[in-house]
């Protein structure tokens, strides 16, 4: 007695390849690294903008304050020997 040939018994199901697990791991690792890069770039841009705003505020404040000169120190006379 022979079995009827069907697509299920003629071609055995493919076994998962070890490379496919490696591909999944690779894709996961790349996604994690990409997320870290995105967060780092966003943080860097935010901190840069805050620094530039702070420098602009400091420059504005410095330009509004009058410059006070220190009085000159009296020169001491050299000791006579």
N, C-alpha and C. Protein backbone atom coordinates (compact mmCIF):
# COMPACT_ATOMS: atom_id res chain seq x y z
N UNK A 1 0.82 -1.16 0.00
CA UNK A 1 0.00 0.00 0.00
C UNK A 1 0.88 1.25 0.00
N UNK A 2 0.63 2.11 -0.87
CA UNK A 2 1.41 3.35 -0.97
C UNK A 2 0.56 4.51 -0.51
N UNK A 3 1.25 5.42 0.06
CA UNK A 3 0.55 6.62 0.52
C UNK A 3 0.37 7.57 -0.67
N UNK A 4 -0.63 8.35 -0.58
CA UNK A 4 -0.84 9.36 -1.60
C UNK A 4 0.18 10.47 -1.39
N UNK A 5 0.70 10.95 -2.48
CA UNK A 5 1.72 11.99 -2.40
C UNK A 5 1.02 13.34 -2.24
N UNK A 6 1.41 14.02 -1.17
CA UNK A 6 0.91 15.39 -0.93
C UNK A 6 2.10 16.29 -0.66
N UNK A 7 1.84 17.56 -0.62
CA UNK A 7 2.95 18.49 -0.36
C UNK A 7 3.50 18.32 1.04
N UNK A 8 2.72 17.73 1.95
CA UNK A 8 3.18 17.56 3.32
C UNK A 8 4.12 16.36 3.48
N UNK A 9 3.93 15.31 2.72
CA UNK A 9 4.80 14.16 2.88
C UNK A 9 5.87 14.07 1.78
N UNK A 10 5.75 14.83 0.72
CA UNK A 10 6.75 14.80 -0.34
C UNK A 10 7.97 15.65 0.05
N UNK A 11 7.70 16.83 0.61
CA UNK A 11 8.77 17.72 1.04
C UNK A 11 8.69 17.86 2.56
N UNK A 12 9.67 17.33 3.25
CA UNK A 12 9.62 17.43 4.71
C UNK A 12 9.76 18.89 5.14
N UNK A 13 9.18 19.26 6.27
CA UNK A 13 9.27 20.65 6.71
C UNK A 13 10.74 21.03 7.00
N UNK A 14 11.06 22.25 6.68
CA UNK A 14 12.44 22.71 6.89
C UNK A 14 12.68 22.93 8.38
N UNK A 15 13.83 22.51 8.82
CA UNK A 15 14.20 22.72 10.20
C UNK A 15 14.73 24.14 10.34
N UNK A 16 14.48 24.73 11.49
CA UNK A 16 15.02 26.09 11.67
C UNK A 16 16.55 26.04 11.63
N UNK A 17 17.12 26.97 10.93
CA UNK A 17 18.56 27.00 10.78
C UNK A 17 19.18 27.72 11.98
N UNK A 18 20.39 27.34 12.28
CA UNK A 18 21.10 28.01 13.37
C UNK A 18 21.36 29.47 13.00
N UNK A 19 21.53 29.72 11.72
CA UNK A 19 21.77 31.08 11.27
C UNK A 19 20.55 31.96 11.54
N UNK A 20 19.37 31.39 11.48
CA UNK A 20 18.19 32.20 11.71
C UNK A 20 18.15 32.69 13.16
N UNK A 21 18.63 31.88 14.09
CA UNK A 21 18.71 32.33 15.49
C UNK A 21 19.75 33.44 15.61
N UNK A 22 20.84 33.26 14.91
CA UNK A 22 21.88 34.29 14.93
C UNK A 22 21.36 35.58 14.31
N UNK A 23 20.57 35.46 13.25
CA UNK A 23 19.99 36.64 12.62
C UNK A 23 19.05 37.36 13.58
N UNK A 24 18.27 36.61 14.33
CA UNK A 24 17.35 37.21 15.29
C UNK A 24 18.14 37.94 16.37
N UNK A 25 19.19 37.31 16.87
CA UNK A 25 20.02 37.93 17.89
C UNK A 25 20.70 39.18 17.34
N UNK A 26 21.20 39.08 16.12
CA UNK A 26 21.87 40.20 15.48
C UNK A 26 20.90 41.37 15.30
N UNK A 27 19.72 41.08 14.84
CA UNK A 27 18.72 42.14 14.64
C UNK A 27 18.33 42.78 15.96
N UNK A 28 18.21 41.98 17.01
CA UNK A 28 17.86 42.52 18.33
C UNK A 28 18.98 43.41 18.85
N UNK A 29 20.21 42.96 18.72
CA UNK A 29 21.34 43.75 19.19
C UNK A 29 21.45 45.06 18.42
N UNK A 30 21.25 45.00 17.11
CA UNK A 30 21.31 46.23 16.31
C UNK A 30 20.19 47.20 16.69
N UNK A 31 19.02 46.68 16.98
CA UNK A 31 17.90 47.54 17.38
C UNK A 31 18.21 48.22 18.71
N UNK A 32 18.79 47.48 19.64
CA UNK A 32 19.14 48.05 20.94
C UNK A 32 20.20 49.14 20.77
N UNK A 33 21.23 48.87 19.96
CA UNK A 33 22.28 49.86 19.75
C UNK A 33 21.74 51.10 19.03
N UNK A 34 20.84 50.90 18.09
CA UNK A 34 20.25 52.03 17.38
C UNK A 34 19.44 52.90 18.34
N UNK A 35 18.70 52.27 19.24
CA UNK A 35 17.93 53.01 20.24
C UNK A 35 18.86 53.81 21.16
N UNK A 36 19.98 53.21 21.55
CA UNK A 36 20.94 53.90 22.41
C UNK A 36 21.54 55.11 21.69
N UNK A 37 21.86 54.94 20.41
CA UNK A 37 22.43 56.05 19.63
C UNK A 37 21.41 57.18 19.52
N UNK A 38 20.16 56.83 19.28
CA UNK A 38 19.11 57.84 19.16
C UNK A 38 18.95 58.62 20.46
N UNK A 39 18.92 57.89 21.58
CA UNK A 39 18.79 58.56 22.89
C UNK A 39 20.00 59.44 23.18
N UNK A 40 21.20 58.94 22.87
CA UNK A 40 22.42 59.70 23.12
C UNK A 40 22.44 60.97 22.28
N UNK A 41 22.07 60.87 21.00
CA UNK A 41 22.05 62.05 20.13
C UNK A 41 21.03 63.08 20.61
N UNK A 42 19.88 62.62 21.07
CA UNK A 42 18.85 63.53 21.57
C UNK A 42 19.36 64.24 22.83
N UNK A 43 20.00 63.50 23.71
CA UNK A 43 20.53 64.08 24.95
C UNK A 43 21.63 65.09 24.63
N UNK A 44 22.51 64.75 23.69
CA UNK A 44 23.59 65.65 23.31
C UNK A 44 23.03 66.95 22.74
N UNK A 45 22.03 66.85 21.88
CA UNK A 45 21.43 68.04 21.29
C UNK A 45 20.75 68.90 22.36
N UNK A 46 20.08 68.25 23.29
CA UNK A 46 19.39 68.99 24.37
C UNK A 46 20.42 69.71 25.25
N UNK A 47 21.49 69.03 25.64
CA UNK A 47 22.51 69.64 26.49
C UNK A 47 23.25 70.75 25.75
N UNK A 48 23.51 70.56 24.45
CA UNK A 48 24.17 71.61 23.67
C UNK A 48 23.31 72.86 23.63
N UNK A 49 22.00 72.69 23.42
CA UNK A 49 21.11 73.84 23.37
C UNK A 49 21.06 74.55 24.72
N UNK A 50 21.01 73.78 25.81
CA UNK A 50 21.01 74.39 27.14
C UNK A 50 22.31 75.17 27.39
N UNK A 51 23.45 74.61 26.96
CA UNK A 51 24.73 75.28 27.13
C UNK A 51 24.77 76.58 26.34
N UNK A 52 24.29 76.55 25.10
CA UNK A 52 24.29 77.75 24.28
C UNK A 52 23.37 78.82 24.86
N UNK A 53 22.21 78.41 25.37
CA UNK A 53 21.30 79.35 26.01
C UNK A 53 21.94 79.97 27.25
N UNK A 54 22.63 79.15 28.04
CA UNK A 54 23.30 79.64 29.25
C UNK A 54 24.41 80.62 28.89
N UNK A 55 25.19 80.30 27.86
CA UNK A 55 26.26 81.21 27.44
C UNK A 55 25.69 82.53 26.94
N UNK A 56 24.58 82.49 26.21
CA UNK A 56 23.95 83.71 25.71
C UNK A 56 23.45 84.55 26.88
N UNK A 57 22.87 83.91 27.89
CA UNK A 57 22.39 84.64 29.06
C UNK A 57 23.56 85.25 29.83
N UNK A 58 24.66 84.51 29.97
CA UNK A 58 25.83 85.03 30.66
C UNK A 58 26.43 86.22 29.90
N UNK A 59 26.49 86.12 28.58
CA UNK A 59 27.02 87.22 27.77
C UNK A 59 26.14 88.45 27.90
N UNK A 60 24.84 88.28 27.90
CA UNK A 60 23.91 89.39 28.03
C UNK A 60 24.06 90.04 29.40
N UNK A 61 24.18 89.24 30.43
CA UNK A 61 24.34 89.75 31.78
C UNK A 61 25.66 90.49 31.93
N UNK A 62 26.72 89.94 31.34
CA UNK A 62 28.03 90.58 31.42
C UNK A 62 28.04 91.91 30.67
N UNK A 63 27.32 92.01 29.57
CA UNK A 63 27.30 93.25 28.81
C UNK A 63 26.48 94.33 29.51
N UNK A 64 25.59 93.95 30.39
CA UNK A 64 24.75 94.93 31.09
C UNK A 64 25.43 95.47 32.34
N UNK A 65 26.37 94.75 32.91
CA UNK A 65 27.03 95.20 34.13
C UNK A 65 28.19 96.12 33.77
N UNK A 66 28.34 97.23 34.49
CA UNK A 66 29.47 98.12 34.20
C UNK A 66 30.77 97.47 34.65
N UNK A 67 31.81 97.79 33.93
CA UNK A 67 33.13 97.23 34.24
C UNK A 67 33.75 98.12 35.32
N UNK A 68 34.13 97.54 36.43
CA UNK A 68 34.73 98.27 37.53
C UNK A 68 36.22 98.00 37.51
N UNK A 69 36.98 99.09 37.40
CA UNK A 69 38.43 98.95 37.38
C UNK A 69 38.93 98.90 38.81
N UNK A 70 39.92 98.09 39.04
CA UNK A 70 40.54 98.02 40.35
C UNK A 70 41.51 99.20 40.49
N UNK A 71 41.59 99.75 41.69
CA UNK A 71 42.56 100.83 41.86
C UNK A 71 43.99 100.32 41.72
N UNK A 72 44.83 101.15 41.17
CA UNK A 72 46.22 100.75 40.97
C UNK A 72 46.91 100.64 42.30
N UNK A 73 47.75 99.67 42.44
CA UNK A 73 48.52 99.51 43.68
C UNK A 73 49.66 100.50 43.70
N UNK A 74 49.94 100.98 44.86
CA UNK A 74 51.06 101.91 44.99
C UNK A 74 52.35 101.12 44.84
N UNK A 75 53.25 101.68 44.05
CA UNK A 75 54.52 101.00 43.85
C UNK A 75 55.38 101.21 45.07
N UNK A 76 56.03 100.18 45.48
CA UNK A 76 56.93 100.33 46.63
C UNK A 76 58.30 100.76 46.12
N UNK A 77 58.96 101.55 46.93
CA UNK A 77 60.27 102.05 46.53
C UNK A 77 61.29 100.93 46.79
N UNK A 78 62.24 100.79 45.90
CA UNK A 78 63.25 99.77 46.14
C UNK A 78 64.08 100.12 47.38
N UNK A 79 64.42 99.12 48.11
CA UNK A 79 65.19 99.34 49.33
C UNK A 79 66.60 99.78 48.97
N UNK A 80 67.06 100.81 49.66
CA UNK A 80 68.41 101.32 49.40
C UNK A 80 69.41 100.45 50.17
N UNK A 81 70.46 100.06 49.53
CA UNK A 81 71.45 99.27 50.23
C UNK A 81 72.63 100.07 50.63
